[in-house]
């Protein structure tokens, strides 16, 4: 699948579907690499609720709440069209069945032909299982998965998000989990303009081409702030160059607060970028 085809995935999934119901309080995702795409957002482009990923010949959908995978097992009437659209994309047009693997210890226990695996990522899997899952996807498999990162942290006091194996699975397929609560309505309308940034890789390239692109600056800055010190996959030198070229009107001071709305947005994006540039002094 080339980039132009992958760009159409959100429209394919929401063909004939105007919105997605909100389950609980979702977290947020950050599609990082060019092998990932934002699928639907809440209030803005920094509130990604679902993302699609390609791994080898396989396809995967990731949701920012652990309740979404079960939507594909017990299908409500209101979700039927969306689930069917997802089935057709994940299985490349075949009439595959969804199979829950929450309690599965080995993929060898699952009949994989014409199947789409469904996984609540908060159900812990072994390293061997995860490696087999990667291999399954590379060879053309399909997966629906999800987790509620902030909820998992509340239930697992003393742990950090990287203690969740699903965190590393998502990282491997080009998607970052965050600790954030989402800002979204119920239902969430499908708004194409919010997902046109595609992923952080693409948004960063747009920002390099045009450092005055406020939308890309806010998206990249928001991702940097959410990632905190986890900057794997970010072009640090490029971001440093952008931050160091900040114009005076976007630099706040006690005596001269930023008045212009566009400049405030730029300043917010730059502050986010500076969150990951720990060795760089702000201009």
Protein backbone atom coordinates (compact mmCIF):
# COMPACT_ATOMS: atom_id res chain seq x y z
CA UNK A 1 0.00 0.00 0.00
CA UNK A 2 1.53 3.32 -1.05
CA UNK A 3 1.21 6.60 0.84
CA UNK A 4 -1.69 7.93 -1.23
CA UNK A 5 -3.69 4.76 -0.59
CA UNK A 6 -2.86 4.80 3.12
CA UNK A 7 -4.00 8.43 3.29
CA UNK A 8 -7.50 7.27 2.32
CA UNK A 9 -7.87 4.81 5.20
CA UNK A 10 -9.81 7.16 7.54
CA UNK A 11 -12.34 7.88 4.80
CA UNK A 12 -12.63 4.15 4.09
CA UNK A 13 -13.28 3.35 7.75
CA UNK A 14 -15.86 6.12 8.06
CA UNK A 15 -17.60 5.60 4.72
CA UNK A 16 -21.29 6.02 5.51
CA UNK A 17 -20.43 6.72 9.16
CA UNK A 18 -20.54 10.26 10.54
CA UNK A 19 -19.23 9.68 14.05
CA UNK A 20 -17.78 7.24 16.59
CA UNK A 21 -19.34 6.73 19.98
CA UNK A 22 -17.22 7.68 22.97
CA UNK A 23 -16.49 4.80 25.33
CA UNK A 24 -15.59 5.93 28.84
CA UNK A 25 -12.92 8.62 28.90
CA UNK A 26 -10.40 7.74 26.20
CA UNK A 27 -6.75 8.62 26.38
CA UNK A 28 -4.81 10.01 23.43
CA UNK A 29 -2.44 8.51 20.88
CA UNK A 30 0.39 10.02 18.85
CA UNK A 31 0.89 8.50 15.37
CA UNK A 32 4.63 8.97 14.94
CA UNK A 33 5.98 7.36 11.78
CA UNK A 34 4.99 7.35 8.14
CA UNK A 35 3.60 3.85 8.69
CA UNK A 36 0.88 5.25 10.97
CA UNK A 37 -2.12 7.48 10.35
CA UNK A 38 -4.50 9.32 12.65
CA UNK A 39 -8.02 7.97 12.06
CA UNK A 40 -10.27 10.09 14.28
CA UNK A 41 -9.68 12.93 16.72
CA UNK A 42 -11.62 14.51 19.54
CA UNK A 43 -11.55 18.28 19.98
CA UNK A 44 -8.37 18.88 17.96
CA UNK A 45 -5.46 17.18 16.21
CA UNK A 46 -3.65 16.60 19.52
CA UNK A 47 -6.56 14.42 20.69
CA UNK A 48 -6.10 11.33 18.49
CA UNK A 49 -8.49 8.60 19.65
CA UNK A 50 -7.75 5.97 16.99
CA UNK A 51 -4.87 5.33 14.62
CA UNK A 52 -4.08 2.88 11.84
CA UNK A 53 -0.71 1.23 11.29
CA UNK A 54 0.98 -0.91 8.66
CA UNK A 55 3.56 -3.52 9.67
CA UNK A 56 4.97 -5.50 6.80
CA UNK A 57 1.94 -6.84 4.94
CA UNK A 58 -0.24 -6.59 8.06
CA UNK A 59 -2.74 -3.99 9.20
CA UNK A 60 -3.63 -2.77 12.67
CA UNK A 61 -6.09 -0.41 14.34
CA UNK A 62 -5.24 1.05 17.75
CA UNK A 63 -7.74 2.77 20.06
CA UNK A 64 -7.11 4.96 23.10
CA UNK A 65 -9.56 3.09 25.34
CA UNK A 66 -9.66 -0.57 26.30
CA UNK A 67 -13.41 -0.69 25.67
CA UNK A 68 -13.14 -0.23 21.91
CA UNK A 69 -11.75 -3.68 21.04
CA UNK A 70 -14.87 -5.30 22.52
CA UNK A 71 -16.99 -3.24 20.13
CA UNK A 72 -15.77 -5.65 17.45
CA UNK A 73 -16.79 -8.74 19.44
CA UNK A 74 -20.25 -7.68 20.63
CA UNK A 75 -21.44 -5.47 17.80
CA UNK A 76 -24.23 -3.00 18.56
CA UNK A 77 -26.54 -1.97 15.75
CA UNK A 78 -25.22 1.61 15.85
CA UNK A 79 -21.65 0.38 15.32
CA UNK A 80 -22.34 -2.22 12.64
CA UNK A 81 -21.36 -0.12 9.62
CA UNK A 82 -18.12 1.11 11.19
CA UNK A 83 -17.16 -2.41 12.29
CA UNK A 84 -17.86 -3.76 8.80
CA UNK A 85 -15.75 -1.02 7.21
CA UNK A 86 -12.91 -1.89 9.59
CA UNK A 87 -13.28 -5.59 8.83
CA UNK A 88 -12.98 -5.02 5.09
CA UNK A 89 -9.91 -2.81 5.42
CA UNK A 90 -8.11 -4.97 7.97
CA UNK A 91 -8.78 -8.20 6.07
CA UNK A 92 -8.22 -6.63 2.63
CA UNK A 93 -11.76 -7.26 1.49
CA UNK A 94 -12.14 -10.75 2.91
CA UNK A 95 -14.97 -11.71 5.25
CA UNK A 96 -12.70 -12.47 8.20
CA UNK A 97 -13.94 -13.15 11.72
CA UNK A 98 -12.92 -11.19 14.82
CA UNK A 99 -11.27 -13.37 17.49
CA UNK A 100 -10.57 -12.18 21.05
CA UNK A 101 -7.06 -13.07 22.30
CA UNK A 102 -7.13 -11.47 25.78
CA UNK A 103 -6.71 -14.85 27.51
CA UNK A 104 -4.64 -16.51 24.79
CA UNK A 105 -1.17 -17.56 25.92
CA UNK A 106 0.16 -18.64 22.54
CA UNK A 107 -0.82 -17.69 19.00
CA UNK A 108 -0.46 -21.37 18.12
CA UNK A 109 -3.71 -21.87 20.05
CA UNK A 110 -5.59 -19.58 17.64
CA UNK A 111 -6.74 -20.55 14.13
CA UNK A 112 -5.30 -17.58 12.24
CA UNK A 113 -6.70 -18.11 8.74
CA UNK A 114 -9.38 -15.55 7.82
CA UNK A 115 -9.22 -14.06 11.32
CA UNK A 116 -8.76 -10.57 12.75
CA UNK A 117 -7.26 -10.69 16.23
CA UNK A 118 -8.78 -8.47 18.94
CA UNK A 119 -6.75 -7.53 22.01
CA UNK A 120 -7.33 -5.38 25.06
CA UNK A 121 -3.73 -4.23 25.48
CA UNK A 122 -4.10 -4.06 29.26
CA UNK A 123 -4.14 -7.89 29.24
CA UNK A 124 -0.44 -8.60 29.70
CA UNK A 125 1.38 -10.72 27.12
CA UNK A 126 4.81 -12.34 27.28
CA UNK A 127 7.75 -11.19 25.19
CA UNK A 128 7.49 -14.39 23.15
CA UNK A 129 3.80 -13.77 22.48
CA UNK A 130 4.54 -10.20 21.41
CA UNK A 131 7.28 -11.32 19.04
CA UNK A 132 4.93 -13.88 17.50
CA UNK A 133 2.32 -11.16 17.13
CA UNK A 134 4.80 -8.93 15.29
CA UNK A 135 5.66 -11.81 12.97
CA UNK A 136 1.98 -12.55 12.39
CA UNK A 137 1.37 -8.94 11.34
CA UNK A 138 4.44 -8.76 9.13
CA UNK A 139 3.20 -11.81 7.26
CA UNK A 140 -0.17 -10.20 6.52
CA UNK A 141 -2.19 -10.57 9.72
CA UNK A 142 -4.74 -8.13 11.13
CA UNK A 143 -5.29 -6.77 14.63
CA UNK A 144 -7.65 -4.48 16.53
CA UNK A 145 -6.30 -3.38 19.90
CA UNK A 146 -6.52 -0.65 22.49
CA UNK A 147 -5.84 0.45 26.05
CA UNK A 148 -6.69 3.26 28.45
CA UNK A 149 -3.21 4.39 29.51
CA UNK A 150 -4.28 6.83 32.24
CA UNK A 151 -6.68 4.22 33.66
CA UNK A 152 -4.01 1.51 33.69
CA UNK A 153 -1.70 3.84 35.60
CA UNK A 154 -4.40 4.51 38.20
CA UNK A 155 -4.92 0.78 38.70
CA UNK A 156 -1.18 0.06 38.87
CA UNK A 157 0.20 2.43 41.47
CA UNK A 158 3.96 2.91 41.35
CA UNK A 159 4.27 1.89 37.71
CA UNK A 160 5.03 4.06 34.71
CA UNK A 161 3.53 3.72 31.26
CA UNK A 162 6.57 1.96 29.83
CA UNK A 163 5.91 -0.89 32.31
CA UNK A 164 2.90 -1.82 30.19
CA UNK A 165 4.01 -4.25 27.43
CA UNK A 166 1.34 -2.82 25.12
CA UNK A 167 3.22 0.51 25.27
CA UNK A 168 6.20 -1.13 23.57
CA UNK A 169 3.99 -2.93 21.05
CA UNK A 170 2.50 0.41 19.97
CA UNK A 171 5.94 1.99 19.86
CA UNK A 172 7.08 -0.76 17.51
CA UNK A 173 4.24 -0.06 15.07
CA UNK A 174 4.83 3.69 15.09
CA UNK A 175 2.26 4.85 17.65
CA UNK A 176 2.92 6.41 21.07
CA UNK A 177 0.59 6.10 24.04
CA UNK A 178 0.25 9.14 26.29
CA UNK A 179 -0.92 9.59 29.88
CA UNK A 180 -3.49 12.21 28.85
CA UNK A 181 -7.25 12.28 29.14
CA UNK A 182 -8.86 13.10 25.82
CA UNK A 183 -11.03 16.11 25.12
CA UNK A 184 -13.89 14.77 23.02
CA UNK A 185 -17.64 14.90 22.63
CA UNK A 186 -20.03 11.95 22.57
CA UNK A 187 -20.33 10.93 19.85
CA UNK A 188 -17.14 12.10 18.17
CA UNK A 189 -17.83 13.48 14.70
CA UNK A 190 -15.46 12.35 11.96
CA UNK A 191 -13.68 15.56 10.95
CA UNK A 192 -11.30 15.07 8.05
CA UNK A 193 -9.52 18.38 8.64
CA UNK A 194 -8.28 17.20 12.06
CA UNK A 195 -6.48 14.14 10.69
CA UNK A 196 -4.89 15.66 7.60
CA UNK A 197 -1.60 16.04 9.51
CA UNK A 198 -1.41 12.20 9.18
CA UNK A 199 1.41 11.67 11.70
CA UNK A 200 4.22 13.52 13.48
CA UNK A 201 6.72 12.56 10.77
CA UNK A 202 4.59 14.28 8.13
CA UNK A 203 3.75 17.28 10.34
CA UNK A 204 7.46 17.79 11.09
CA UNK A 205 8.33 17.70 7.40
CA UNK A 206 5.65 20.32 6.73
CA UNK A 207 7.08 22.44 9.52
CA UNK A 208 10.59 22.17 8.08
CA UNK A 209 9.27 23.28 4.69
CA UNK A 210 7.33 26.15 6.26
CA UNK A 211 8.33 27.13 9.82
CA UNK A 212 5.42 29.61 9.86
CA UNK A 213 2.85 26.78 9.56
CA UNK A 214 1.00 27.33 12.83
CA UNK A 215 -1.08 24.15 12.63
CA UNK A 216 1.96 21.90 12.17
CA UNK A 217 3.85 23.78 14.89
CA UNK A 218 1.02 23.25 17.38
CA UNK A 219 0.69 19.55 16.50
CA UNK A 220 4.43 18.86 16.75
CA UNK A 221 4.77 20.99 19.88
CA UNK A 222 1.83 19.24 21.52
CA UNK A 223 3.35 15.84 20.74
CA UNK A 224 6.71 16.91 22.18
CA UNK A 225 5.06 18.07 25.40
CA UNK A 226 3.13 14.80 25.72
CA UNK A 227 6.21 12.68 25.03
CA UNK A 228 8.19 14.55 27.69
CA UNK A 229 11.64 12.90 27.67
CA UNK A 230 10.64 10.01 25.37
CA UNK A 231 11.81 11.54 22.10
CA UNK A 232 12.62 8.42 20.09
CA UNK A 233 11.51 8.97 16.53
CA UNK A 234 11.69 12.78 16.67
CA UNK A 235 14.19 14.71 14.51
CA UNK A 236 15.82 16.53 17.42
CA UNK A 237 18.27 18.63 15.38
CA UNK A 238 15.48 19.85 13.11
CA UNK A 239 13.32 20.78 16.10
CA UNK A 240 16.25 22.55 17.74
CA UNK A 241 16.81 24.61 14.60
CA UNK A 242 13.13 25.61 14.51
CA UNK A 243 13.12 26.61 18.18
CA UNK A 244 16.31 28.67 17.95
CA UNK A 245 14.90 30.69 15.06
CA UNK A 246 11.89 31.83 17.08
CA UNK A 247 10.90 35.41 16.34
CA UNK A 248 10.74 38.02 19.12
CA UNK A 249 6.95 38.36 18.94
CA UNK A 250 6.45 34.74 20.06
CA UNK A 251 8.75 35.03 23.09
CA UNK A 252 6.77 36.12 26.18
CA UNK A 253 8.08 38.31 28.98
CA UNK A 254 6.72 39.74 32.23
CA UNK A 255 6.67 43.23 30.76
CA UNK A 256 5.31 42.29 27.35
CA UNK A 257 2.81 39.41 27.23
CA UNK A 258 1.90 38.04 23.82
CA UNK A 259 -1.24 39.76 22.54
CA UNK A 260 -1.69 38.31 19.06
CA UNK A 261 -3.61 35.01 18.90
CA UNK A 262 -1.44 33.52 16.15
CA UNK A 263 1.71 34.43 18.06
CA UNK A 264 0.32 32.80 21.21
CA UNK A 265 -0.32 29.60 19.24
CA UNK A 266 3.23 29.69 17.87
CA UNK A 267 4.61 30.30 21.35
CA UNK A 268 2.67 27.33 22.74
CA UNK A 269 4.02 25.07 19.99
CA UNK A 270 7.58 26.24 20.56
CA UNK A 271 7.27 25.72 24.32
CA UNK A 272 6.18 22.15 23.62
CA UNK A 273 9.21 21.58 21.41
CA UNK A 274 11.50 22.99 24.10
CA UNK A 275 10.13 20.35 26.52
CA UNK A 276 12.19 17.71 24.70
CA UNK A 277 15.23 19.89 24.01
CA UNK A 278 16.58 19.49 27.52
CA UNK A 279 20.08 20.72 26.63
CA UNK A 280 18.86 23.74 24.69
CA UNK A 281 18.42 27.15 26.28
CA UNK A 282 15.23 28.90 25.24
CA UNK A 283 15.78 31.96 23.00
